[in-house]
Amino acid sequence: MQKKISTLPFNGTPEQEAKLKEIIEKHKGDPGAVMPVLQEAQGVYGYLPKEVQIMIAEGLGVPVEEVYGVSTFYSQFSLTPKGKYNISVCLGTACYVKGSGKLVDEITNQIGIEPEECTEDGLFSLTACRCIGACGLAPVLTVNDEVYGRLEPKDIAGILDKYRA
């Protein structure tokens, strides 16, 4: 599955940029510096937009293609922002067999985004994950750290309303 790239405008702050420059400076010259810089940069920004990847490439003196290659290869990196409420639907075998795909469809219908996207207002983001280890509650989704299990598509509206309030 190819990673989606954010279409939302980049809203980095001067404070975030200063922190990123510190991170780059700390790792400059280290072999394999791209990986730890990306990890720390994602901690600062919450994701890795192209503007941040370009700053990293220029700061480390490596091709932007190398930075992009690492950020798209490893699943820990996200190229899209996360919303205030990140909805993660488990698509592991137990959840999928019990209908988690229908949950993704219902969420997409209700908030208008696909997996790996964020609503324009920044309230919700949607991700699809593999097993979260709650197979006995299948199908399962999480909103940030809150787990919801034994769900049906009709349950989605109530869950979303809780976070909209």
N, C-alpha and C. Protein backbone atom coordinates (compact mmCIF):
# COMPACT_ATOMS: atom_id res chain seq x y z
N MET A 1 0.84 -1.18 0.00
CA MET A 1 0.00 0.00 0.00
C MET A 1 0.89 1.25 0.00
N GLN A 2 0.70 2.09 -1.00
CA GLN A 2 1.49 3.31 -1.10
C GLN A 2 0.99 4.34 -0.10
N LYS A 3 1.93 5.04 0.53
CA LYS A 3 1.55 6.06 1.51
C LYS A 3 0.98 7.27 0.80
N LYS A 4 -0.05 7.85 1.43
CA LYS A 4 -0.63 9.07 0.91
C LYS A 4 0.19 10.26 1.38
N ILE A 5 0.22 11.26 0.54
CA ILE A 5 0.91 12.51 0.87
C ILE A 5 -0.17 13.54 1.16
N SER A 6 0.03 14.33 2.18
CA SER A 6 -0.96 15.32 2.60
C SER A 6 -1.19 16.38 1.53
N THR A 7 -2.46 16.73 1.35
CA THR A 7 -2.82 17.83 0.46
C THR A 7 -3.15 19.09 1.27
N LEU A 8 -3.11 18.97 2.60
CA LEU A 8 -3.38 20.12 3.45
C LEU A 8 -2.15 21.04 3.47
N PRO A 9 -2.37 22.35 3.61
CA PRO A 9 -1.21 23.25 3.64
C PRO A 9 -0.35 22.99 4.88
N PHE A 10 0.96 23.16 4.70
CA PHE A 10 1.92 22.98 5.79
C PHE A 10 1.81 24.17 6.74
N ASN A 11 1.70 23.90 8.03
CA ASN A 11 1.54 24.95 9.04
C ASN A 11 2.60 24.87 10.12
N GLY A 12 3.84 24.68 9.74
CA GLY A 12 4.91 24.61 10.72
C GLY A 12 5.14 25.97 11.38
N THR A 13 5.58 25.93 12.63
CA THR A 13 5.83 27.16 13.38
C THR A 13 7.34 27.44 13.40
N PRO A 14 7.74 28.68 13.67
CA PRO A 14 9.17 28.99 13.81
C PRO A 14 9.81 28.17 14.94
N GLU A 15 9.06 27.89 15.99
CA GLU A 15 9.58 27.08 17.10
C GLU A 15 9.88 25.65 16.64
N GLN A 16 8.98 25.09 15.84
CA GLN A 16 9.20 23.74 15.32
C GLN A 16 10.43 23.72 14.41
N GLU A 17 10.56 24.73 13.57
CA GLU A 17 11.70 24.79 12.66
C GLU A 17 13.01 24.91 13.43
N ALA A 18 13.03 25.72 14.48
CA ALA A 18 14.22 25.86 15.31
C ALA A 18 14.59 24.52 15.95
N LYS A 19 13.59 23.80 16.44
CA LYS A 19 13.81 22.48 17.05
C LYS A 19 14.37 21.51 16.01
N LEU A 20 13.80 21.54 14.79
CA LEU A 20 14.28 20.66 13.72
C LEU A 20 15.74 20.97 13.40
N LYS A 21 16.10 22.23 13.34
CA LYS A 21 17.49 22.60 13.06
C LYS A 21 18.42 22.08 14.16
N GLU A 22 17.98 22.12 15.41
CA GLU A 22 18.78 21.55 16.51
C GLU A 22 18.98 20.05 16.32
N ILE A 23 17.91 19.38 15.95
CA ILE A 23 17.96 17.92 15.74
C ILE A 23 18.94 17.59 14.62
N ILE A 24 18.83 18.32 13.51
CA ILE A 24 19.72 18.07 12.37
C ILE A 24 21.17 18.31 12.78
N GLU A 25 21.41 19.39 13.48
CA GLU A 25 22.78 19.73 13.91
C GLU A 25 23.36 18.65 14.82
N LYS A 26 22.51 18.11 15.70
CA LYS A 26 22.95 17.06 16.63
C LYS A 26 23.40 15.80 15.89
N HIS A 27 22.76 15.49 14.76
CA HIS A 27 23.05 14.24 14.04
C HIS A 27 23.92 14.44 12.80
N LYS A 28 24.20 15.69 12.45
CA LYS A 28 24.96 15.97 11.23
C LYS A 28 26.30 15.24 11.27
N GLY A 29 26.61 14.56 10.18
CA GLY A 29 27.87 13.83 10.10
C GLY A 29 27.82 12.40 10.62
N ASP A 30 26.75 12.05 11.33
CA ASP A 30 26.61 10.67 11.82
C ASP A 30 26.22 9.76 10.66
N PRO A 31 26.84 8.57 10.56
CA PRO A 31 26.38 7.63 9.54
C PRO A 31 24.93 7.21 9.85
N GLY A 32 24.10 7.13 8.84
CA GLY A 32 22.71 6.72 9.04
C GLY A 32 21.87 7.75 9.78
N ALA A 33 22.23 9.03 9.66
CA ALA A 33 21.54 10.08 10.41
C ALA A 33 20.09 10.30 9.97
N VAL A 34 19.76 9.91 8.76
CA VAL A 34 18.41 10.19 8.24
C VAL A 34 17.34 9.58 9.14
N MET A 35 17.52 8.32 9.52
CA MET A 35 16.50 7.62 10.32
C MET A 35 16.24 8.32 11.66
N PRO A 36 17.25 8.56 12.49
CA PRO A 36 16.94 9.21 13.77
C PRO A 36 16.42 10.64 13.61
N VAL A 37 16.88 11.35 12.59
CA VAL A 37 16.37 12.72 12.37
C VAL A 37 14.90 12.66 11.98
N LEU A 38 14.52 11.72 11.12
CA LEU A 38 13.10 11.57 10.75
C LEU A 38 12.26 11.23 11.98
N GLN A 39 12.76 10.33 12.82
CA GLN A 39 12.01 9.95 14.03
C GLN A 39 11.78 11.16 14.92
N GLU A 40 12.83 11.92 15.16
CA GLU A 40 12.69 13.09 16.03
C GLU A 40 11.85 14.18 15.37
N ALA A 41 12.00 14.35 14.06
CA ALA A 41 11.21 15.36 13.35
C ALA A 41 9.73 15.03 13.42
N GLN A 42 9.39 13.75 13.29
CA GLN A 42 7.99 13.36 13.40
C GLN A 42 7.46 13.64 14.80
N GLY A 43 8.31 13.51 15.80
CA GLY A 43 7.92 13.86 17.15
C GLY A 43 7.62 15.35 17.29
N VAL A 44 8.32 16.17 16.54
CA VAL A 44 8.12 17.62 16.59
C VAL A 44 6.87 18.04 15.82
N TYR A 45 6.71 17.50 14.61
CA TYR A 45 5.62 17.93 13.72
C TYR A 45 4.40 17.02 13.75
N GLY A 46 4.57 15.78 14.23
CA GLY A 46 3.46 14.83 14.23
C GLY A 46 3.36 14.03 12.95
N TYR A 47 4.05 14.48 11.90
CA TYR A 47 4.10 13.80 10.61
C TYR A 47 5.27 14.38 9.84
N LEU A 48 5.49 13.91 8.61
CA LEU A 48 6.66 14.33 7.84
C LEU A 48 6.23 14.92 6.49
N PRO A 49 5.78 16.17 6.49
CA PRO A 49 5.40 16.79 5.22
C PRO A 49 6.64 17.01 4.34
N LYS A 50 6.41 17.23 3.05
CA LYS A 50 7.54 17.39 2.13
C LYS A 50 8.45 18.55 2.53
N GLU A 51 7.88 19.60 3.09
CA GLU A 51 8.70 20.74 3.51
C GLU A 51 9.72 20.34 4.57
N VAL A 52 9.32 19.49 5.49
CA VAL A 52 10.22 19.00 6.54
C VAL A 52 11.26 18.06 5.94
N GLN A 53 10.85 17.22 5.02
CA GLN A 53 11.80 16.31 4.38
C GLN A 53 12.86 17.08 3.61
N ILE A 54 12.47 18.16 2.96
CA ILE A 54 13.44 18.99 2.23
C ILE A 54 14.42 19.65 3.20
N MET A 55 13.91 20.17 4.34
CA MET A 55 14.80 20.77 5.33
C MET A 55 15.80 19.75 5.87
N ILE A 56 15.33 18.53 6.08
CA ILE A 56 16.21 17.46 6.58
C ILE A 56 17.29 17.14 5.54
N ALA A 57 16.88 16.98 4.30
CA ALA A 57 17.83 16.66 3.23
C ALA A 57 18.89 17.75 3.11
N GLU A 58 18.44 18.99 3.06
CA GLU A 58 19.39 20.09 2.93
C GLU A 58 20.30 20.19 4.15
N GLY A 59 19.73 20.02 5.34
CA GLY A 59 20.51 20.13 6.56
C GLY A 59 21.55 19.03 6.71
N LEU A 60 21.21 17.82 6.27
CA LEU A 60 22.14 16.69 6.38
C LEU A 60 23.04 16.56 5.15
N GLY A 61 22.73 17.32 4.09
CA GLY A 61 23.52 17.22 2.87
C GLY A 61 23.32 15.91 2.13
N VAL A 62 22.09 15.40 2.16
CA VAL A 62 21.76 14.16 1.44
C VAL A 62 20.65 14.47 0.43
N PRO A 63 20.51 13.64 -0.60
CA PRO A 63 19.44 13.89 -1.57
C PRO A 63 18.05 13.76 -0.91
N VAL A 64 17.14 14.60 -1.34
CA VAL A 64 15.78 14.54 -0.79
C VAL A 64 15.14 13.18 -1.11
N GLU A 65 15.58 12.55 -2.19
CA GLU A 65 15.07 11.23 -2.55
C GLU A 65 15.41 10.19 -1.48
N GLU A 66 16.57 10.34 -0.86
CA GLU A 66 16.96 9.42 0.21
C GLU A 66 16.04 9.60 1.43
N VAL A 67 15.77 10.85 1.78
CA VAL A 67 14.90 11.14 2.92
C VAL A 67 13.49 10.62 2.63
N TYR A 68 13.00 10.89 1.42
CA TYR A 68 11.67 10.42 1.02
C TYR A 68 11.63 8.88 1.01
N GLY A 69 12.67 8.27 0.52
CA GLY A 69 12.72 6.80 0.46
C GLY A 69 12.62 6.17 1.83
N VAL A 70 13.34 6.72 2.80
CA VAL A 70 13.29 6.19 4.17
C VAL A 70 11.91 6.45 4.78
N SER A 71 11.38 7.65 4.56
CA SER A 71 10.09 8.00 5.19
C SER A 71 8.93 7.22 4.61
N THR A 72 9.05 6.77 3.36
CA THR A 72 7.96 5.97 2.78
C THR A 72 8.16 4.48 2.98
N PHE A 73 9.39 4.05 3.24
CA PHE A 73 9.65 2.62 3.42
C PHE A 73 9.17 2.12 4.77
N TYR A 74 9.41 2.87 5.83
CA TYR A 74 9.09 2.41 7.18
C TYR A 74 7.69 2.83 7.60
N SER A 75 6.93 1.86 8.09
CA SER A 75 5.52 2.12 8.45
C SER A 75 5.37 3.06 9.64
N GLN A 76 6.42 3.25 10.42
CA GLN A 76 6.32 4.14 11.59
C GLN A 76 6.20 5.61 11.18
N PHE A 77 6.53 5.92 9.93
CA PHE A 77 6.49 7.31 9.50
C PHE A 77 5.19 7.63 8.78
N SER A 78 4.67 8.82 9.04
CA SER A 78 3.44 9.26 8.40
C SER A 78 3.71 10.52 7.58
N LEU A 79 3.17 10.55 6.37
CA LEU A 79 3.31 11.72 5.51
C LEU A 79 2.08 12.61 5.59
N THR A 80 1.13 12.22 6.42
CA THR A 80 -0.09 13.01 6.57
C THR A 80 -0.27 13.39 8.04
N PRO A 81 -0.86 14.55 8.29
CA PRO A 81 -1.05 14.98 9.67
C PRO A 81 -2.10 14.12 10.37
N LYS A 82 -1.99 14.05 11.68
CA LYS A 82 -3.00 13.37 12.49
C LYS A 82 -3.93 14.42 13.06
N GLY A 83 -5.20 14.09 13.12
CA GLY A 83 -6.18 15.00 13.68
C GLY A 83 -6.11 15.01 15.20
N LYS A 84 -6.86 15.91 15.79
CA LYS A 84 -6.96 15.95 17.26
C LYS A 84 -7.41 14.58 17.75
N TYR A 85 -8.30 13.96 16.97
CA TYR A 85 -8.78 12.61 17.29
C TYR A 85 -8.40 11.69 16.13
N ASN A 86 -7.44 10.80 16.39
CA ASN A 86 -7.02 9.85 15.36
C ASN A 86 -7.81 8.56 15.53
N ILE A 87 -8.60 8.26 14.53
CA ILE A 87 -9.40 7.04 14.52
C ILE A 87 -8.59 5.97 13.80
N SER A 88 -8.34 4.87 14.47
CA SER A 88 -7.58 3.78 13.89
C SER A 88 -8.44 2.52 13.90
N VAL A 89 -8.74 2.02 12.73
CA VAL A 89 -9.59 0.83 12.60
C VAL A 89 -8.70 -0.38 12.35
N CYS A 90 -8.87 -1.40 13.16
CA CYS A 90 -8.10 -2.63 13.02
C CYS A 90 -8.61 -3.42 11.81
N LEU A 91 -7.69 -3.74 10.90
CA LEU A 91 -8.03 -4.57 9.76
C LEU A 91 -7.33 -5.93 9.83
N GLY A 92 -6.93 -6.31 11.05
CA GLY A 92 -6.37 -7.64 11.25
C GLY A 92 -7.42 -8.69 10.92
N THR A 93 -7.01 -9.93 10.82
CA THR A 93 -7.90 -11.00 10.35
C THR A 93 -9.20 -11.09 11.14
N ALA A 94 -9.14 -11.17 12.45
CA ALA A 94 -10.36 -11.34 13.25
C ALA A 94 -11.31 -10.15 13.05
N CYS A 95 -10.76 -8.94 13.07
CA CYS A 95 -11.61 -7.75 12.91
C CYS A 95 -12.16 -7.66 11.49
N TYR A 96 -11.32 -7.97 10.52
CA TYR A 96 -11.77 -7.87 9.13
C TYR A 96 -12.90 -8.85 8.85
N VAL A 97 -12.74 -10.09 9.33
CA VAL A 97 -13.77 -11.11 9.13
C VAL A 97 -15.10 -10.69 9.78
N LYS A 98 -15.01 -9.95 10.87
CA LYS A 98 -16.22 -9.52 11.58
C LYS A 98 -16.72 -8.15 11.12
N GLY A 99 -16.16 -7.61 10.03
CA GLY A 99 -16.75 -6.42 9.43
C GLY A 99 -16.05 -5.09 9.61
N SER A 100 -14.76 -5.08 9.96
CA SER A 100 -14.09 -3.79 10.16
C SER A 100 -13.99 -2.97 8.87
N GLY A 101 -13.98 -3.65 7.73
CA GLY A 101 -13.97 -2.92 6.45
C GLY A 101 -15.21 -2.05 6.31
N LYS A 102 -16.33 -2.54 6.79
CA LYS A 102 -17.58 -1.77 6.75
C LYS A 102 -17.50 -0.57 7.70
N LEU A 103 -16.76 -0.72 8.80
CA LEU A 103 -16.58 0.41 9.72
C LEU A 103 -15.79 1.52 9.03
N VAL A 104 -14.72 1.15 8.31
CA VAL A 104 -13.93 2.13 7.57
C VAL A 104 -14.83 2.85 6.57
N ASP A 105 -15.65 2.09 5.85
CA ASP A 105 -16.56 2.70 4.86
C ASP A 105 -17.51 3.68 5.52
N GLU A 106 -18.04 3.32 6.68
CA GLU A 106 -18.99 4.20 7.37
C GLU A 106 -18.30 5.47 7.87
N ILE A 107 -17.12 5.33 8.41
CA ILE A 107 -16.38 6.51 8.87
C ILE A 107 -16.08 7.42 7.69
N THR A 108 -15.63 6.83 6.59
CA THR A 108 -15.34 7.61 5.38
C THR A 108 -16.59 8.36 4.92
N ASN A 109 -17.73 7.69 4.94
CA ASN A 109 -18.98 8.35 4.54
C ASN A 109 -19.34 9.50 5.47
N GLN A 110 -19.09 9.33 6.76
CA GLN A 110 -19.51 10.34 7.72
C GLN A 110 -18.57 11.53 7.84
N ILE A 111 -17.27 11.31 7.71
CA ILE A 111 -16.35 12.45 7.88
C ILE A 111 -15.66 12.87 6.58
N GLY A 112 -15.89 12.12 5.51
CA GLY A 112 -15.42 12.55 4.20
C GLY A 112 -13.95 12.40 3.92
N ILE A 113 -13.27 11.51 4.63
CA ILE A 113 -11.85 11.26 4.34
C ILE A 113 -11.60 9.77 4.21
N GLU A 114 -10.55 9.44 3.52
CA GLU A 114 -10.11 8.06 3.35
C GLU A 114 -9.03 7.76 4.39
N PRO A 115 -8.68 6.48 4.57
CA PRO A 115 -7.57 6.16 5.47
C PRO A 115 -6.30 6.93 5.08
N GLU A 116 -5.56 7.32 6.09
CA GLU A 116 -4.32 8.10 5.97
C GLU A 116 -4.59 9.54 5.54
N GLU A 117 -5.78 10.05 5.84
CA GLU A 117 -6.10 11.45 5.59
C GLU A 117 -6.58 12.11 6.87
N CYS A 118 -6.64 13.42 6.83
CA CYS A 118 -7.07 14.22 7.97
C CYS A 118 -8.14 15.19 7.48
N THR A 119 -9.17 15.43 8.30
CA THR A 119 -10.19 16.39 7.91
C THR A 119 -9.57 17.78 7.85
N GLU A 120 -10.12 18.63 7.00
CA GLU A 120 -9.56 19.97 6.81
C GLU A 120 -9.53 20.78 8.09
N ASP A 121 -10.50 20.52 8.99
CA ASP A 121 -10.53 21.27 10.25
C ASP A 121 -9.56 20.70 11.30
N GLY A 122 -8.88 19.59 10.95
CA GLY A 122 -7.91 18.99 11.85
C GLY A 122 -8.52 18.23 13.01
N LEU A 123 -9.84 18.03 13.00
CA LEU A 123 -10.49 17.35 14.12
C LEU A 123 -10.26 15.83 14.08
N PHE A 124 -10.41 15.22 12.90
CA PHE A 124 -10.29 13.77 12.78
C PHE A 124 -9.25 13.38 11.75
N SER A 125 -8.56 12.28 12.02
CA SER A 125 -7.77 11.59 11.01
C SER A 125 -8.17 10.12 11.08
N LEU A 126 -7.94 9.43 10.00
CA LEU A 126 -8.34 8.03 9.91
C LEU A 126 -7.15 7.21 9.47
N THR A 127 -6.87 6.15 10.21
CA THR A 127 -5.82 5.22 9.81
C THR A 127 -6.39 3.81 9.87
N ALA A 128 -5.80 2.95 9.08
CA ALA A 128 -6.12 1.53 9.12
C ALA A 128 -4.89 0.84 9.66
N CYS A 129 -5.06 -0.03 10.65
CA CYS A 129 -3.90 -0.71 11.22
C CYS A 129 -4.12 -2.22 11.15
N ARG A 130 -3.11 -2.94 11.48
CA ARG A 130 -3.22 -4.40 11.55
C ARG A 130 -3.65 -4.75 12.97
N CYS A 131 -3.32 -5.87 13.48
CA CYS A 131 -3.85 -6.33 14.76
C CYS A 131 -3.44 -5.43 15.93
N ILE A 132 -4.42 -5.07 16.77
CA ILE A 132 -4.10 -4.29 17.97
C ILE A 132 -4.17 -5.16 19.22
N GLY A 133 -4.44 -6.45 19.04
CA GLY A 133 -4.42 -7.37 20.16
C GLY A 133 -5.71 -7.44 20.96
N ALA A 134 -6.80 -6.99 20.37
CA ALA A 134 -8.10 -7.05 21.06
C ALA A 134 -9.06 -7.90 20.24
N CYS A 135 -8.59 -9.02 19.76
CA CYS A 135 -9.36 -9.87 18.84
C CYS A 135 -10.69 -10.33 19.43
N GLY A 136 -10.74 -10.50 20.74
CA GLY A 136 -11.98 -10.93 21.39
C GLY A 136 -13.07 -9.88 21.33
N LEU A 137 -12.70 -8.63 21.00
CA LEU A 137 -13.67 -7.54 20.90
C LEU A 137 -13.97 -7.19 19.44
N ALA A 138 -13.51 -8.00 18.51
CA ALA A 138 -13.62 -7.68 17.09
C ALA A 138 -15.06 -7.42 16.65
N PRO A 139 -15.22 -6.47 15.74
CA PRO A 139 -14.23 -5.55 15.18
C PRO A 139 -13.99 -4.36 16.11
N VAL A 140 -12.75 -3.87 16.07
CA VAL A 140 -12.28 -2.87 17.02
C VAL A 140 -11.77 -1.63 16.29
N LEU A 141 -11.99 -0.48 16.94
CA LEU A 141 -11.32 0.74 16.52
C LEU A 141 -10.88 1.48 17.77
N THR A 142 -9.90 2.35 17.60
CA THR A 142 -9.48 3.20 18.69
C THR A 142 -9.63 4.65 18.25
N VAL A 143 -9.92 5.51 19.22
CA VAL A 143 -9.86 6.94 19.00
C VAL A 143 -8.84 7.42 20.02
N ASN A 144 -7.69 7.84 19.51
CA ASN A 144 -6.52 8.09 20.34
C ASN A 144 -6.26 6.85 21.19
N ASP A 145 -6.40 6.89 22.49
CA ASP A 145 -6.12 5.70 23.31
C ASP A 145 -7.38 4.98 23.79
N GLU A 146 -8.54 5.41 23.34
CA GLU A 146 -9.79 4.79 23.79
C GLU A 146 -10.20 3.68 22.81
N VAL A 147 -10.49 2.49 23.35
CA VAL A 147 -10.82 1.32 22.53
C VAL A 147 -12.33 1.11 22.49
N TYR A 148 -12.83 0.86 21.28
CA TYR A 148 -14.25 0.55 21.07
C TYR A 148 -14.31 -0.80 20.37
N GLY A 149 -15.09 -1.73 20.94
CA GLY A 149 -15.17 -3.06 20.36
C GLY A 149 -16.58 -3.54 20.11
N ARG A 150 -16.65 -4.68 19.41
CA ARG A 150 -17.91 -5.31 19.00
C ARG A 150 -18.81 -4.29 18.30
N LEU A 151 -18.24 -3.62 17.32
CA LEU A 151 -18.92 -2.53 16.64
C LEU A 151 -19.65 -2.96 15.39
N GLU A 152 -20.64 -2.17 15.06
CA GLU A 152 -21.36 -2.27 13.80
C GLU A 152 -21.35 -0.88 13.18
N PRO A 153 -21.55 -0.78 11.87
CA PRO A 153 -21.55 0.55 11.24
C PRO A 153 -22.51 1.54 11.90
N LYS A 154 -23.62 1.06 12.43
CA LYS A 154 -24.60 1.97 13.07
C LYS A 154 -24.04 2.62 14.34
N ASP A 155 -22.96 2.08 14.91
CA ASP A 155 -22.36 2.63 16.13
C ASP A 155 -21.46 3.84 15.85
N ILE A 156 -21.05 4.01 14.62
CA ILE A 156 -20.05 5.03 14.27
C ILE A 156 -20.54 6.44 14.55
N ALA A 157 -21.77 6.77 14.19
CA ALA A 157 -22.29 8.13 14.38
C ALA A 157 -22.18 8.56 15.85
N GLY A 158 -22.56 7.68 16.75
CA GLY A 158 -22.50 8.01 18.18
C GLY A 158 -21.08 8.24 18.67
N ILE A 159 -20.16 7.43 18.18
CA ILE A 159 -18.75 7.60 18.56
C ILE A 159 -18.23 8.95 18.05
N LEU A 160 -18.51 9.25 16.80
CA LEU A 160 -18.03 10.54 16.24
C LEU A 160 -18.67 11.72 16.97
N ASP A 161 -19.95 11.61 17.28
CA ASP A 161 -20.64 12.71 17.98
C ASP A 161 -20.00 13.00 19.33
N LYS A 162 -19.54 11.95 20.02
CA LYS A 162 -18.89 12.12 21.31
C LYS A 162 -17.67 13.05 21.19
N TYR A 163 -16.94 12.92 20.11
CA TYR A 163 -15.72 13.73 19.93
C TYR A 163 -15.99 15.07 19.28
N ARG A 164 -17.12 15.19 18.62
CA ARG A 164 -17.49 16.48 18.03
C ARG A 164 -17.98 17.45 19.11
N ALA A 165 -18.51 16.89 20.21
CA ALA A 165 -19.11 17.73 21.26
C ALA A 165 -18.06 18.53 22.01
